[in-house]
Amino acid sequence: MERDRRNVRLSLASLDVLGTDSELRAQVEHAMREVDSRPAPDAFAGHDRTGSIMVRVSAAGQVEDVSVGRDWRTHLGLDGAAQALFEAYVAALQATLEAAALRALQRDQAASPPAAQAATAEPDEVDEHLWLRRTWQTLHEIDADLERLTHEPGPPAEETIPSPEGSLTVHVRAGSITAITGDVARLARLDVGQLRYEALDVLRSYDLAHPRNREAPA
């Protein structure tokens, strides 16, 4: 899945792109300046790689809305709609995880010295190294949480939740959505509004069935 970099946030891409501690410090400080300059969001959006489907979730991870582009058939095809919905949903959850992590890093940074001071005194160097270790650990924890949410190891899905017309099916394992599949014949009969309704209903049904998985980030 492609990463959505249109919003400034602590991206999981940091694990692959940033090669040094100084680069990590620079990105985190930039993200924090951006966060401080705007109100904290109460909802997060995720898109599939084509931008055809958007899922919006609350800060607690509950699905609030789904939007479907009018050209979804052209960009996704009937056999790609369900996977696109899953991609958008995962991207929205990723945004909530990253926002929670950034808030935690803000608290840590408030208690640590600026990078410039860290190079001038030995105690500050210790604090700086501690902050960096915690930051890298946080990034890896985000990655692990996202992996757990969407790729829980084990047998096939323990539970399936169908949409009202059966065009979409949510597959659940260990309380988390691991896949969304579609019935091509039923999807072929849907217009934009009907697909949106099917997608929103099945994701909300999952939220209602698994409320413990939707606790607000600390």
N, C-alpha and C. Protein backbone atom coordinates (compact mmCIF):
# COMPACT_ATOMS: atom_id res chain seq x y z
N MET A 1 0.84 -1.19 0.00
CA MET A 1 0.00 0.00 0.00
C MET A 1 0.87 1.24 0.00
N GLU A 2 0.52 2.22 -0.81
CA GLU A 2 1.28 3.47 -0.83
C GLU A 2 0.96 4.29 0.40
N ARG A 3 1.93 5.01 0.91
CA ARG A 3 1.74 5.85 2.09
C ARG A 3 1.16 7.20 1.68
N ASP A 4 0.19 7.67 2.45
CA ASP A 4 -0.40 8.97 2.18
C ASP A 4 0.44 10.02 2.87
N ARG A 5 1.17 10.84 2.09
CA ARG A 5 2.07 11.84 2.68
C ARG A 5 1.53 13.25 2.52
N ARG A 6 0.23 13.36 2.20
CA ARG A 6 -0.32 14.71 2.04
C ARG A 6 -0.47 15.41 3.37
N ASN A 7 -0.60 14.67 4.45
CA ASN A 7 -0.68 15.26 5.78
C ASN A 7 0.65 15.09 6.49
N VAL A 8 1.09 16.14 7.18
CA VAL A 8 2.34 16.04 7.94
C VAL A 8 2.07 15.26 9.21
N ARG A 9 2.74 14.15 9.36
CA ARG A 9 2.56 13.34 10.55
C ARG A 9 3.77 12.43 10.67
N LEU A 10 3.86 11.72 11.77
CA LEU A 10 4.97 10.81 11.99
C LEU A 10 4.69 9.54 11.21
N SER A 11 5.26 9.44 10.02
CA SER A 11 4.91 8.36 9.10
C SER A 11 5.70 7.10 9.37
N LEU A 12 5.06 5.96 9.14
CA LEU A 12 5.77 4.70 9.23
C LEU A 12 6.86 4.61 8.19
N ALA A 13 6.79 5.44 7.16
CA ALA A 13 7.85 5.46 6.15
C ALA A 13 9.18 5.82 6.78
N SER A 14 9.16 6.44 7.96
CA SER A 14 10.41 6.79 8.65
C SER A 14 11.28 5.57 8.88
N LEU A 15 10.66 4.43 9.10
CA LEU A 15 11.43 3.22 9.36
C LEU A 15 12.28 2.82 8.16
N ASP A 16 11.82 3.16 6.95
CA ASP A 16 12.52 2.76 5.74
C ASP A 16 13.38 3.88 5.17
N VAL A 17 12.96 5.13 5.37
CA VAL A 17 13.60 6.25 4.70
C VAL A 17 14.71 6.87 5.54
N LEU A 18 14.46 7.06 6.84
CA LEU A 18 15.44 7.75 7.66
C LEU A 18 16.57 6.81 8.06
N GLY A 19 17.79 7.26 7.80
CA GLY A 19 18.92 6.40 8.09
C GLY A 19 19.74 6.83 9.28
N THR A 20 19.53 8.05 9.79
CA THR A 20 20.34 8.54 10.90
C THR A 20 19.46 9.13 11.97
N ASP A 21 20.02 9.21 13.19
CA ASP A 21 19.29 9.80 14.30
C ASP A 21 18.99 11.28 14.04
N SER A 22 19.93 11.99 13.42
CA SER A 22 19.70 13.42 13.17
C SER A 22 18.54 13.63 12.21
N GLU A 23 18.41 12.75 11.22
CA GLU A 23 17.29 12.87 10.29
C GLU A 23 15.97 12.58 11.00
N LEU A 24 15.98 11.61 11.89
CA LEU A 24 14.79 11.31 12.66
C LEU A 24 14.40 12.50 13.52
N ARG A 25 15.38 13.07 14.23
CA ARG A 25 15.11 14.24 15.08
C ARG A 25 14.52 15.38 14.26
N ALA A 26 15.06 15.60 13.06
CA ALA A 26 14.58 16.71 12.22
C ALA A 26 13.14 16.47 11.79
N GLN A 27 12.81 15.23 11.42
CA GLN A 27 11.45 14.97 10.99
C GLN A 27 10.46 15.12 12.13
N VAL A 28 10.82 14.58 13.29
CA VAL A 28 9.92 14.66 14.44
C VAL A 28 9.69 16.12 14.84
N GLU A 29 10.76 16.91 14.88
CA GLU A 29 10.60 18.32 15.24
C GLU A 29 9.75 19.05 14.22
N HIS A 30 9.92 18.73 12.94
CA HIS A 30 9.08 19.36 11.90
C HIS A 30 7.62 18.97 12.09
N ALA A 31 7.37 17.67 12.34
CA ALA A 31 5.99 17.22 12.54
C ALA A 31 5.36 17.88 13.75
N MET A 32 6.14 18.05 14.81
CA MET A 32 5.60 18.67 16.02
C MET A 32 5.28 20.14 15.80
N ARG A 33 6.12 20.83 15.03
CA ARG A 33 5.81 22.23 14.72
C ARG A 33 4.51 22.33 13.94
N GLU A 34 4.32 21.42 13.00
CA GLU A 34 3.09 21.43 12.22
C GLU A 34 1.88 21.13 13.10
N VAL A 35 2.02 20.15 13.99
CA VAL A 35 0.92 19.79 14.88
C VAL A 35 0.57 20.95 15.80
N ASP A 36 1.59 21.63 16.33
CA ASP A 36 1.35 22.75 17.24
C ASP A 36 0.66 23.92 16.54
N SER A 37 0.79 24.00 15.23
CA SER A 37 0.25 25.14 14.50
C SER A 37 -1.21 24.97 14.12
N ARG A 38 -1.81 23.82 14.42
CA ARG A 38 -3.20 23.60 14.03
C ARG A 38 -3.92 22.83 15.13
N PRO A 39 -5.25 22.93 15.19
CA PRO A 39 -6.00 22.21 16.22
C PRO A 39 -5.85 20.70 16.04
N ALA A 40 -5.93 19.98 17.14
CA ALA A 40 -5.84 18.52 17.07
C ALA A 40 -7.07 17.98 16.35
N PRO A 41 -6.90 17.13 15.36
CA PRO A 41 -8.06 16.59 14.63
C PRO A 41 -8.86 15.64 15.49
N ASP A 42 -10.17 15.60 15.26
CA ASP A 42 -11.01 14.64 15.96
C ASP A 42 -11.40 13.48 15.05
N ALA A 43 -10.88 13.48 13.82
CA ALA A 43 -11.14 12.39 12.89
C ALA A 43 -9.96 12.28 11.92
N PHE A 44 -9.79 11.10 11.35
CA PHE A 44 -8.68 10.83 10.45
C PHE A 44 -9.20 10.11 9.21
N ALA A 45 -8.63 10.44 8.06
CA ALA A 45 -9.08 9.84 6.80
C ALA A 45 -7.98 8.98 6.20
N GLY A 46 -8.40 7.91 5.53
CA GLY A 46 -7.48 7.05 4.80
C GLY A 46 -8.03 6.80 3.42
N HIS A 47 -7.14 6.70 2.43
CA HIS A 47 -7.54 6.47 1.04
C HIS A 47 -6.87 5.22 0.49
N ASP A 48 -7.50 4.61 -0.50
CA ASP A 48 -6.81 3.55 -1.21
C ASP A 48 -5.80 4.19 -2.15
N ARG A 49 -5.00 3.39 -2.81
CA ARG A 49 -3.89 3.92 -3.60
C ARG A 49 -4.35 4.73 -4.81
N THR A 50 -5.58 4.52 -5.27
CA THR A 50 -6.08 5.29 -6.41
C THR A 50 -6.86 6.53 -5.98
N GLY A 51 -7.16 6.64 -4.68
CA GLY A 51 -7.97 7.75 -4.20
C GLY A 51 -9.45 7.58 -4.48
N SER A 52 -9.86 6.39 -4.87
CA SER A 52 -11.27 6.15 -5.23
C SER A 52 -12.16 5.98 -4.01
N ILE A 53 -11.60 5.46 -2.92
CA ILE A 53 -12.37 5.20 -1.71
C ILE A 53 -11.68 5.85 -0.52
N MET A 54 -12.48 6.53 0.30
CA MET A 54 -11.97 7.16 1.51
C MET A 54 -12.77 6.63 2.70
N VAL A 55 -12.05 6.33 3.78
CA VAL A 55 -12.68 5.94 5.03
C VAL A 55 -12.26 6.94 6.09
N ARG A 56 -13.23 7.49 6.82
CA ARG A 56 -12.92 8.42 7.91
C ARG A 56 -13.26 7.76 9.23
N VAL A 57 -12.32 7.82 10.18
CA VAL A 57 -12.54 7.24 11.50
C VAL A 57 -12.32 8.30 12.55
N SER A 58 -12.92 8.09 13.71
CA SER A 58 -12.72 8.98 14.84
C SER A 58 -11.35 8.72 15.45
N ALA A 59 -10.97 9.57 16.40
CA ALA A 59 -9.70 9.37 17.09
C ALA A 59 -9.67 8.04 17.83
N ALA A 60 -10.85 7.50 18.14
CA ALA A 60 -10.94 6.20 18.80
C ALA A 60 -10.94 5.04 17.81
N GLY A 61 -10.90 5.35 16.50
CA GLY A 61 -10.85 4.31 15.49
C GLY A 61 -12.20 3.83 15.00
N GLN A 62 -13.28 4.47 15.42
CA GLN A 62 -14.61 4.07 14.96
C GLN A 62 -14.91 4.71 13.61
N VAL A 63 -15.48 3.94 12.71
CA VAL A 63 -15.76 4.42 11.36
C VAL A 63 -16.91 5.44 11.40
N GLU A 64 -16.64 6.62 10.84
CA GLU A 64 -17.64 7.69 10.80
C GLU A 64 -18.25 7.85 9.41
N ASP A 65 -17.45 7.62 8.38
CA ASP A 65 -17.98 7.84 7.03
C ASP A 65 -17.14 7.10 6.01
N VAL A 66 -17.74 6.86 4.86
CA VAL A 66 -17.05 6.29 3.70
C VAL A 66 -17.48 7.09 2.49
N SER A 67 -16.55 7.41 1.63
CA SER A 67 -16.90 8.07 0.37
C SER A 67 -16.34 7.24 -0.78
N VAL A 68 -17.06 7.27 -1.90
CA VAL A 68 -16.69 6.48 -3.08
C VAL A 68 -16.71 7.41 -4.28
N GLY A 69 -15.63 7.42 -5.04
CA GLY A 69 -15.57 8.25 -6.23
C GLY A 69 -16.47 7.73 -7.34
N ARG A 70 -16.96 8.64 -8.15
CA ARG A 70 -17.88 8.25 -9.23
C ARG A 70 -17.21 7.35 -10.26
N ASP A 71 -15.91 7.45 -10.40
CA ASP A 71 -15.19 6.64 -11.38
C ASP A 71 -14.55 5.41 -10.75
N TRP A 72 -15.11 4.91 -9.67
CA TRP A 72 -14.49 3.79 -8.97
C TRP A 72 -14.38 2.56 -9.85
N ARG A 73 -15.36 2.32 -10.71
CA ARG A 73 -15.29 1.15 -11.59
C ARG A 73 -14.10 1.25 -12.54
N THR A 74 -13.85 2.45 -13.05
CA THR A 74 -12.75 2.65 -13.99
C THR A 74 -11.41 2.42 -13.30
N HIS A 75 -11.26 2.94 -12.11
CA HIS A 75 -9.98 2.88 -11.42
C HIS A 75 -9.74 1.55 -10.70
N LEU A 76 -10.81 0.93 -10.22
CA LEU A 76 -10.65 -0.26 -9.38
C LEU A 76 -11.11 -1.55 -10.05
N GLY A 77 -12.10 -1.43 -10.92
CA GLY A 77 -12.73 -2.63 -11.43
C GLY A 77 -13.60 -3.26 -10.35
N LEU A 78 -14.47 -4.17 -10.75
CA LEU A 78 -15.35 -4.81 -9.77
C LEU A 78 -14.56 -5.65 -8.78
N ASP A 79 -13.47 -6.26 -9.25
CA ASP A 79 -12.72 -7.15 -8.37
C ASP A 79 -11.75 -6.40 -7.46
N GLY A 80 -11.61 -5.08 -7.62
CA GLY A 80 -10.68 -4.32 -6.78
C GLY A 80 -11.34 -3.46 -5.73
N ALA A 81 -12.66 -3.39 -5.74
CA ALA A 81 -13.36 -2.49 -4.82
C ALA A 81 -13.19 -2.90 -3.36
N ALA A 82 -13.32 -4.17 -3.07
CA ALA A 82 -13.21 -4.63 -1.68
C ALA A 82 -11.81 -4.41 -1.12
N GLN A 83 -10.79 -4.72 -1.92
CA GLN A 83 -9.42 -4.49 -1.46
C GLN A 83 -9.15 -3.02 -1.25
N ALA A 84 -9.70 -2.17 -2.12
CA ALA A 84 -9.52 -0.72 -1.97
C ALA A 84 -10.15 -0.23 -0.67
N LEU A 85 -11.32 -0.76 -0.33
CA LEU A 85 -11.95 -0.39 0.93
C LEU A 85 -11.08 -0.80 2.11
N PHE A 86 -10.50 -1.98 2.04
CA PHE A 86 -9.61 -2.44 3.10
C PHE A 86 -8.38 -1.54 3.21
N GLU A 87 -7.79 -1.17 2.08
CA GLU A 87 -6.63 -0.29 2.08
C GLU A 87 -6.96 1.05 2.73
N ALA A 88 -8.12 1.61 2.38
CA ALA A 88 -8.51 2.90 2.93
C ALA A 88 -8.74 2.80 4.43
N TYR A 89 -9.36 1.71 4.86
CA TYR A 89 -9.62 1.50 6.28
C TYR A 89 -8.31 1.38 7.06
N VAL A 90 -7.38 0.59 6.54
CA VAL A 90 -6.09 0.43 7.21
C VAL A 90 -5.33 1.76 7.27
N ALA A 91 -5.39 2.53 6.18
CA ALA A 91 -4.70 3.83 6.17
C ALA A 91 -5.28 4.77 7.22
N ALA A 92 -6.60 4.72 7.42
CA ALA A 92 -7.22 5.57 8.44
C ALA A 92 -6.79 5.14 9.84
N LEU A 93 -6.74 3.83 10.07
CA LEU A 93 -6.27 3.34 11.37
C LEU A 93 -4.82 3.73 11.60
N GLN A 94 -4.02 3.65 10.54
CA GLN A 94 -2.61 4.03 10.67
C GLN A 94 -2.49 5.48 11.12
N ALA A 95 -3.34 6.33 10.58
CA ALA A 95 -3.28 7.75 10.95
C ALA A 95 -3.59 7.94 12.44
N THR A 96 -4.53 7.17 12.97
CA THR A 96 -4.84 7.31 14.40
C THR A 96 -3.67 6.82 15.25
N LEU A 97 -3.02 5.75 14.84
CA LEU A 97 -1.87 5.23 15.58
C LEU A 97 -0.72 6.24 15.58
N GLU A 98 -0.48 6.84 14.42
CA GLU A 98 0.61 7.80 14.30
C GLU A 98 0.33 9.06 15.12
N ALA A 99 -0.93 9.49 15.13
CA ALA A 99 -1.28 10.68 15.91
C ALA A 99 -1.07 10.43 17.40
N ALA A 100 -1.47 9.24 17.86
CA ALA A 100 -1.28 8.91 19.27
C ALA A 100 0.21 8.84 19.61
N ALA A 101 1.00 8.29 18.69
CA ALA A 101 2.44 8.20 18.93
C ALA A 101 3.07 9.58 18.96
N LEU A 102 2.63 10.46 18.08
CA LEU A 102 3.19 11.81 18.06
C LEU A 102 2.87 12.56 19.34
N ARG A 103 1.68 12.35 19.89
CA ARG A 103 1.35 12.97 21.17
C ARG A 103 2.27 12.45 22.27
N ALA A 104 2.56 11.15 22.23
CA ALA A 104 3.46 10.58 23.24
C ALA A 104 4.86 11.15 23.08
N LEU A 105 5.31 11.32 21.85
CA LEU A 105 6.65 11.88 21.62
C LEU A 105 6.71 13.34 22.04
N GLN A 106 5.61 14.06 21.87
CA GLN A 106 5.57 15.45 22.33
C GLN A 106 5.79 15.51 23.84
N ARG A 107 5.17 14.59 24.56
CA ARG A 107 5.36 14.57 26.01
C ARG A 107 6.81 14.24 26.36
N ASP A 108 7.40 13.30 25.63
CA ASP A 108 8.80 12.95 25.89
C ASP A 108 9.74 14.10 25.56
N GLN A 109 9.47 14.78 24.45
CA GLN A 109 10.36 15.86 24.04
C GLN A 109 10.27 17.04 25.00
N ALA A 110 9.09 17.25 25.57
CA ALA A 110 8.94 18.35 26.52
C ALA A 110 9.84 18.15 27.74
N ALA A 111 10.16 16.90 28.02
CA ALA A 111 11.01 16.60 29.17
C ALA A 111 12.47 16.42 28.79
N SER A 112 12.80 16.54 27.47
CA SER A 112 14.18 16.34 27.03
C SER A 112 14.75 17.64 26.50
N PRO A 113 16.07 17.81 26.48
CA PRO A 113 16.68 19.06 26.03
C PRO A 113 16.66 19.18 24.52
N PRO A 114 16.73 20.40 23.99
CA PRO A 114 16.83 20.58 22.55
C PRO A 114 18.07 19.90 21.99
N ALA A 115 18.04 19.61 20.68
CA ALA A 115 19.15 18.90 20.04
C ALA A 115 20.45 19.69 20.17
N ALA A 116 20.38 21.03 20.09
CA ALA A 116 21.59 21.84 20.17
C ALA A 116 22.27 21.69 21.52
N GLN A 117 21.48 21.62 22.59
CA GLN A 117 22.06 21.46 23.91
C GLN A 117 22.64 20.07 24.10
N ALA A 118 22.08 19.10 23.38
CA ALA A 118 22.50 17.72 23.58
C ALA A 118 23.94 17.50 23.18
N ALA A 119 24.49 18.39 22.33
CA ALA A 119 25.86 18.20 21.87
C ALA A 119 26.87 18.92 22.76
N THR A 120 26.41 19.59 23.83
CA THR A 120 27.32 20.42 24.62
C THR A 120 27.62 19.88 26.01
N ALA A 121 26.81 18.95 26.49
CA ALA A 121 27.02 18.48 27.86
C ALA A 121 26.72 17.00 27.93
N GLU A 122 27.48 16.30 28.74
CA GLU A 122 27.34 14.85 28.82
C GLU A 122 25.97 14.42 29.34
N PRO A 123 25.42 15.03 30.41
CA PRO A 123 24.08 14.63 30.85
C PRO A 123 23.04 14.81 29.74
N ASP A 124 23.17 15.91 28.97
CA ASP A 124 22.23 16.15 27.90
C ASP A 124 22.36 15.10 26.81
N GLU A 125 23.60 14.64 26.59
CA GLU A 125 23.80 13.60 25.58
C GLU A 125 23.07 12.33 25.99
N VAL A 126 23.10 12.02 27.27
CA VAL A 126 22.39 10.85 27.76
C VAL A 126 20.90 10.99 27.51
N ASP A 127 20.36 12.19 27.82
CA ASP A 127 18.93 12.44 27.60
C ASP A 127 18.59 12.34 26.12
N GLU A 128 19.46 12.89 25.29
CA GLU A 128 19.22 12.85 23.86
C GLU A 128 19.19 11.41 23.34
N HIS A 129 20.13 10.60 23.79
CA HIS A 129 20.17 9.21 23.36
C HIS A 129 18.93 8.46 23.85
N LEU A 130 18.49 8.77 25.05
CA LEU A 130 17.30 8.14 25.59
C LEU A 130 16.08 8.51 24.75
N TRP A 131 15.97 9.79 24.39
CA TRP A 131 14.85 10.24 23.56
C TRP A 131 14.85 9.54 22.21
N LEU A 132 16.05 9.41 21.62
CA LEU A 132 16.13 8.75 20.31
C LEU A 132 15.73 7.29 20.40
N ARG A 133 16.17 6.62 21.46
CA ARG A 133 15.80 5.22 21.61
C ARG A 133 14.29 5.08 21.75
N ARG A 134 13.69 5.97 22.54
CA ARG A 134 12.24 5.90 22.72
C ARG A 134 11.51 6.21 21.42
N THR A 135 12.05 7.14 20.63
CA THR A 135 11.41 7.49 19.37
C THR A 135 11.44 6.33 18.39
N TRP A 136 12.60 5.73 18.23
CA TRP A 136 12.68 4.56 17.34
C TRP A 136 11.79 3.43 17.84
N GLN A 137 11.75 3.24 19.15
CA GLN A 137 10.89 2.20 19.71
C GLN A 137 9.43 2.49 19.40
N THR A 138 9.04 3.77 19.51
CA THR A 138 7.66 4.14 19.21
C THR A 138 7.31 3.85 17.76
N LEU A 139 8.21 4.17 16.85
CA LEU A 139 7.98 3.89 15.44
C LEU A 139 7.78 2.39 15.19
N HIS A 140 8.61 1.59 15.81
CA HIS A 140 8.49 0.14 15.65
C HIS A 140 7.20 -0.38 16.29
N GLU A 141 6.77 0.24 17.39
CA GLU A 141 5.52 -0.18 18.02
C GLU A 141 4.33 0.15 17.13
N ILE A 142 4.37 1.31 16.46
CA ILE A 142 3.30 1.64 15.52
C ILE A 142 3.22 0.58 14.43
N ASP A 143 4.38 0.24 13.88
CA ASP A 143 4.43 -0.76 12.82
C ASP A 143 3.88 -2.09 13.30
N ALA A 144 4.23 -2.49 14.52
CA ALA A 144 3.76 -3.75 15.07
C ALA A 144 2.26 -3.71 15.32
N ASP A 145 1.76 -2.58 15.81
CA ASP A 145 0.32 -2.46 16.05
C ASP A 145 -0.46 -2.58 14.75
N LEU A 146 0.03 -1.93 13.71
CA LEU A 146 -0.66 -1.99 12.43
C LEU A 146 -0.62 -3.40 11.86
N GLU A 147 0.51 -4.06 12.02
CA GLU A 147 0.62 -5.45 11.57
C GLU A 147 -0.35 -6.34 12.33
N ARG A 148 -0.46 -6.11 13.64
CA ARG A 148 -1.37 -6.91 14.45
C ARG A 148 -2.82 -6.68 14.04
N LEU A 149 -3.15 -5.43 13.73
CA LEU A 149 -4.53 -5.11 13.37
C LEU A 149 -4.96 -5.75 12.07
N THR A 150 -4.03 -5.94 11.15
CA THR A 150 -4.42 -6.36 9.81
C THR A 150 -3.86 -7.70 9.38
N HIS A 151 -2.86 -8.24 10.09
CA HIS A 151 -2.25 -9.50 9.67
C HIS A 151 -1.99 -10.39 10.88
N GLU A 152 -2.99 -10.54 11.70
CA GLU A 152 -2.85 -11.39 12.89
C GLU A 152 -2.57 -12.83 12.45
N PRO A 153 -1.46 -13.43 12.91
CA PRO A 153 -1.15 -14.80 12.48
C PRO A 153 -2.15 -15.79 13.04
N GLY A 154 -2.32 -16.90 12.34
CA GLY A 154 -3.22 -17.93 12.84
C GLY A 154 -4.06 -18.51 11.73
N PRO A 155 -5.12 -19.23 12.08
CA PRO A 155 -5.98 -19.90 11.11
C PRO A 155 -6.84 -18.89 10.35
N PRO A 156 -7.63 -19.36 9.39
CA PRO A 156 -8.53 -18.45 8.66
C PRO A 156 -9.46 -17.70 9.61
N ALA A 157 -10.15 -16.72 9.04
CA ALA A 157 -10.97 -15.81 9.84
C ALA A 157 -11.92 -16.56 10.76
N GLU A 158 -12.00 -16.09 12.00
CA GLU A 158 -12.90 -16.67 12.97
C GLU A 158 -14.34 -16.23 12.73
N GLU A 159 -14.50 -15.10 12.05
CA GLU A 159 -15.82 -14.50 11.91
C GLU A 159 -15.89 -13.73 10.60
N THR A 160 -17.05 -13.76 9.96
CA THR A 160 -17.28 -12.93 8.79
C THR A 160 -18.54 -12.11 9.01
N ILE A 161 -18.49 -10.86 8.52
CA ILE A 161 -19.64 -9.96 8.64
C ILE A 161 -19.99 -9.48 7.24
N PRO A 162 -21.17 -9.86 6.73
CA PRO A 162 -21.56 -9.43 5.38
C PRO A 162 -22.25 -8.08 5.40
N SER A 163 -22.16 -7.37 4.30
CA SER A 163 -22.91 -6.12 4.14
C SER A 163 -24.38 -6.46 3.87
N PRO A 164 -25.28 -5.50 3.94
CA PRO A 164 -26.72 -5.79 3.80
C PRO A 164 -27.09 -6.57 2.54
N GLU A 165 -26.48 -6.23 1.39
CA GLU A 165 -26.79 -6.93 0.15
C GLU A 165 -25.79 -8.03 -0.17
N GLY A 166 -24.82 -8.25 0.72
CA GLY A 166 -23.86 -9.31 0.52
C GLY A 166 -22.77 -9.02 -0.49
N SER A 167 -22.64 -7.76 -0.90
CA SER A 167 -21.60 -7.43 -1.89
C SER A 167 -20.22 -7.37 -1.26
N LEU A 168 -20.16 -7.09 0.03
CA LEU A 168 -18.89 -6.99 0.75
C LEU A 168 -18.93 -7.86 2.00
N THR A 169 -17.80 -8.43 2.34
CA THR A 169 -17.70 -9.25 3.55
C THR A 169 -16.44 -8.89 4.30
N VAL A 170 -16.59 -8.54 5.58
CA VAL A 170 -15.47 -8.25 6.45
C VAL A 170 -15.04 -9.55 7.12
N HIS A 171 -13.74 -9.83 7.08
CA HIS A 171 -13.19 -11.02 7.71
C HIS A 171 -12.46 -10.60 8.98
N VAL A 172 -12.79 -11.24 10.08
CA VAL A 172 -12.28 -10.85 11.40
C VAL A 172 -11.52 -12.01 12.02
N ARG A 173 -10.33 -11.70 12.55
CA ARG A 173 -9.56 -12.68 13.29
C ARG A 173 -8.94 -11.98 14.49
N ALA A 174 -9.05 -12.62 15.65
CA ALA A 174 -8.54 -12.05 16.90
C ALA A 174 -9.11 -10.66 17.14
N GLY A 175 -10.35 -10.46 16.72
CA GLY A 175 -11.03 -9.19 16.96
C GLY A 175 -10.70 -8.08 16.00
N SER A 176 -9.84 -8.33 14.99
CA SER A 176 -9.44 -7.29 14.05
C SER A 176 -9.80 -7.68 12.63
N ILE A 177 -10.05 -6.67 11.80
CA ILE A 177 -10.32 -6.93 10.40
C ILE A 177 -9.02 -7.32 9.70
N THR A 178 -9.01 -8.48 9.08
CA THR A 178 -7.82 -8.94 8.37
C THR A 178 -7.98 -8.88 6.86
N ALA A 179 -9.23 -8.75 6.38
CA ALA A 179 -9.47 -8.66 4.94
C ALA A 179 -10.91 -8.21 4.70
N ILE A 180 -11.12 -7.66 3.53
CA ILE A 180 -12.47 -7.38 3.05
C ILE A 180 -12.56 -7.95 1.64
N THR A 181 -13.53 -8.82 1.42
CA THR A 181 -13.71 -9.43 0.11
C THR A 181 -15.03 -8.98 -0.50
N GLY A 182 -15.14 -9.16 -1.83
CA GLY A 182 -16.34 -8.71 -2.51
C GLY A 182 -16.92 -9.77 -3.42
N ASP A 183 -18.23 -9.69 -3.62
CA ASP A 183 -18.94 -10.55 -4.56
C ASP A 183 -19.10 -9.76 -5.86
N VAL A 184 -18.36 -10.15 -6.89
CA VAL A 184 -18.31 -9.37 -8.12
C VAL A 184 -19.69 -9.22 -8.75
N ALA A 185 -20.48 -10.28 -8.74
CA ALA A 185 -21.81 -10.22 -9.34
C ALA A 185 -22.70 -9.20 -8.64
N ARG A 186 -22.63 -9.16 -7.31
CA ARG A 186 -23.44 -8.21 -6.55
C ARG A 186 -22.89 -6.79 -6.70
N LEU A 187 -21.57 -6.65 -6.71
CA LEU A 187 -20.97 -5.32 -6.88
C LEU A 187 -21.34 -4.71 -8.23
N ALA A 188 -21.50 -5.55 -9.24
CA ALA A 188 -21.84 -5.06 -10.58
C ALA A 188 -23.19 -4.37 -10.62
N ARG A 189 -24.04 -4.67 -9.67
CA ARG A 189 -25.38 -4.08 -9.64
C ARG A 189 -25.46 -2.79 -8.84
N LEU A 190 -24.34 -2.38 -8.21
CA LEU A 190 -24.36 -1.23 -7.32
C LEU A 190 -23.95 0.05 -8.02
N ASP A 191 -24.65 1.14 -7.68
CA ASP A 191 -24.16 2.45 -8.10
C ASP A 191 -23.30 3.03 -6.98
N VAL A 192 -22.84 4.26 -7.14
CA VAL A 192 -21.94 4.86 -6.16
C VAL A 192 -22.57 4.92 -4.77
N GLY A 193 -23.79 5.39 -4.71
CA GLY A 193 -24.46 5.52 -3.42
C GLY A 193 -24.68 4.19 -2.74
N GLN A 194 -25.03 3.18 -3.52
CA GLN A 194 -25.25 1.85 -2.93
C GLN A 194 -23.96 1.23 -2.43
N LEU A 195 -22.86 1.43 -3.17
CA LEU A 195 -21.58 0.89 -2.70
C LEU A 195 -21.15 1.59 -1.42
N ARG A 196 -21.35 2.90 -1.36
CA ARG A 196 -21.02 3.63 -0.13
C ARG A 196 -21.83 3.09 1.05
N TYR A 197 -23.11 2.87 0.84
CA TYR A 197 -23.98 2.36 1.90
C TYR A 197 -23.51 0.98 2.36
N GLU A 198 -23.21 0.10 1.41
CA GLU A 198 -22.74 -1.24 1.75
C GLU A 198 -21.45 -1.18 2.58
N ALA A 199 -20.52 -0.35 2.12
CA ALA A 199 -19.22 -0.25 2.80
C ALA A 199 -19.38 0.33 4.20
N LEU A 200 -20.14 1.40 4.32
CA LEU A 200 -20.31 2.05 5.62
C LEU A 200 -21.03 1.12 6.59
N ASP A 201 -22.04 0.44 6.12
CA ASP A 201 -22.82 -0.43 6.99
C ASP A 201 -21.98 -1.60 7.51
N VAL A 202 -21.20 -2.23 6.63
CA VAL A 202 -20.46 -3.40 7.09
C VAL A 202 -19.34 -3.01 8.06
N LEU A 203 -18.71 -1.85 7.86
CA LEU A 203 -17.67 -1.41 8.79
C LEU A 203 -18.27 -0.99 10.13
N ARG A 204 -19.42 -0.34 10.10
CA ARG A 204 -20.08 0.02 11.35
C ARG A 204 -20.57 -1.21 12.09
N SER A 205 -21.01 -2.22 11.35
CA SER A 205 -21.44 -3.47 11.99
C SER A 205 -20.27 -4.12 12.72
N TYR A 206 -19.10 -4.05 12.11
CA TYR A 206 -17.91 -4.57 12.77
C TYR A 206 -17.63 -3.78 14.05
N ASP A 207 -17.70 -2.46 13.98
CA ASP A 207 -17.45 -1.63 15.17
C ASP A 207 -18.41 -1.98 16.30
N LEU A 208 -19.67 -2.20 15.96
CA LEU A 208 -20.67 -2.53 16.98
C LEU A 208 -20.40 -3.90 17.59
N ALA A 209 -19.89 -4.82 16.77
CA ALA A 209 -19.64 -6.17 17.26
C ALA A 209 -18.35 -6.27 18.07
N HIS A 210 -17.44 -5.30 17.87
CA HIS A 210 -16.13 -5.36 18.53
C HIS A 210 -15.78 -4.02 19.17
N PRO A 211 -16.58 -3.55 20.12
CA PRO A 211 -16.33 -2.23 20.73
C PRO A 211 -15.04 -2.15 21.50
N ARG A 212 -14.55 -3.24 22.05
CA ARG A 212 -13.32 -3.19 22.85
C ARG A 212 -12.11 -2.89 22.00
N ASN A 213 -12.19 -3.12 20.70
CA ASN A 213 -11.05 -2.86 19.81
C ASN A 213 -11.00 -1.41 19.39
N ARG A 214 -11.92 -0.60 19.86
CA ARG A 214 -11.99 0.77 19.40
C ARG A 214 -11.83 1.76 20.53
N GLU A 215 -10.92 1.46 21.44
CA GLU A 215 -10.65 2.39 22.55
C GLU A 215 -9.82 3.56 22.04
N ALA A 216 -10.07 4.73 22.59
CA ALA A 216 -9.33 5.93 22.18
C ALA A 216 -7.87 5.78 22.52
N PRO A 217 -6.98 6.27 21.63
CA PRO A 217 -5.55 6.21 21.92
C PRO A 217 -5.21 6.99 23.17
N ALA A 218 -4.20 6.54 23.91
CA ALA A 218 -3.80 7.24 25.14
C ALA A 218 -3.13 8.54 24.81
